[in-house]
Amino acid sequence: MRIKIRLLQEVYSLQQSLGQNAGRQTWLAQERSQTPHPVIVKLLAFSALLSLSPEQTLKALHRGSCGIGT
């Protein structure tokens, strides 16, 4: 799982939480590319990351540690 989180961090920079429901979080993000574009990222229920608040999720992704299994 940490590899997937690392990949998410390498591809996108989360900017703002747009919503949180049971089973998903929706974020406004910026692509990390030579020509960055705004994108919407949805984190789905099969991720342990969703047990965190949007603020905790953002902090965990920026730290590179989500406290979830490998």
Protein backbone atom coordinates (compact mmCIF):
# COMPACT_ATOMS: atom_id res chain seq x y z
CA MET A 1 0.00 0.00 0.00
CA ARG A 2 2.84 2.42 0.75
CA ILE A 3 4.01 2.09 -2.85
CA LYS A 4 0.58 3.19 -4.09
CA ILE A 5 0.55 6.15 -1.69
CA ARG A 6 4.05 7.13 -2.85
CA LEU A 7 2.90 6.94 -6.48
CA LEU A 8 -0.09 9.17 -5.64
CA GLN A 9 2.29 11.69 -4.06
CA GLU A 10 4.60 11.64 -7.08
CA VAL A 11 1.79 12.23 -9.58
CA TYR A 12 -0.51 14.64 -7.69
CA SER A 13 -0.30 17.42 -5.15
CA LEU A 14 -3.50 17.53 -3.10
CA GLN A 15 -4.77 21.10 -2.79
CA GLN A 16 -8.18 21.08 -1.12
CA SER A 17 -10.72 18.61 0.23
CA LEU A 18 -13.94 18.83 -1.80
CA GLY A 19 -15.95 16.32 0.17
CA GLN A 20 -15.99 13.24 2.33
CA ASN A 21 -18.67 10.56 2.44
CA ALA A 22 -18.74 7.06 3.86
CA GLY A 23 -16.33 5.20 1.66
CA ARG A 24 -14.67 8.03 -0.25
CA GLN A 25 -12.87 11.37 -0.14
CA THR A 26 -12.78 13.81 -3.05
CA TRP A 27 -9.86 16.21 -3.53
CA LEU A 28 -8.88 19.02 -5.86
CA ALA A 29 -5.30 18.25 -6.86
CA GLN A 30 -2.60 19.51 -9.19
CA GLU A 31 -0.71 17.18 -11.51
CA ARG A 32 3.03 17.17 -10.90
CA SER A 33 4.15 17.35 -14.51
CA GLN A 34 5.85 19.76 -16.89
CA THR A 35 2.41 21.13 -17.77
CA PRO A 36 0.42 20.80 -14.53
CA HIS A 37 -3.35 20.60 -14.74
CA PRO A 38 -5.96 20.70 -12.00
CA VAL A 39 -7.58 17.30 -11.46
CA ILE A 40 -10.10 15.67 -9.15
CA VAL A 41 -8.79 12.72 -7.11
CA LYS A 42 -11.15 10.28 -5.38
CA LEU A 43 -9.85 8.02 -2.63
CA LEU A 44 -12.14 5.00 -2.32
CA ALA A 45 -13.26 2.86 0.64
CA PHE A 46 -10.77 0.05 0.19
CA SER A 47 -8.06 2.47 1.35
CA ALA A 48 -7.37 2.66 5.10
CA LEU A 49 -6.55 6.31 4.43
CA LEU A 50 -10.28 7.09 4.46
CA SER A 51 -10.51 6.53 8.20
CA LEU A 52 -8.63 9.83 8.56
CA SER A 53 -10.14 13.30 8.42
CA PRO A 54 -9.31 15.36 5.30
CA GLU A 55 -6.74 17.33 7.31
CA GLN A 56 -5.10 14.14 8.62
CA THR A 57 -5.12 12.65 5.11
CA LEU A 58 -3.35 15.68 3.67
CA LYS A 59 -0.74 15.66 6.45
CA ALA A 60 -0.17 11.91 6.05
CA LEU A 61 0.29 12.18 2.30
CA HIS A 62 2.72 15.10 2.65
CA ARG A 63 4.72 13.18 5.28
CA GLY A 64 4.77 10.06 3.11
CA SER A 65 3.49 7.92 5.95
CA CYS A 66 -0.15 6.93 6.24
CA GLY A 67 0.11 4.55 9.16
CA ILE A 68 -1.30 1.74 7.06
CA GLY A 69 0.12 -1.66 6.25
CA THR A 70 2.53 -2.34 3.43
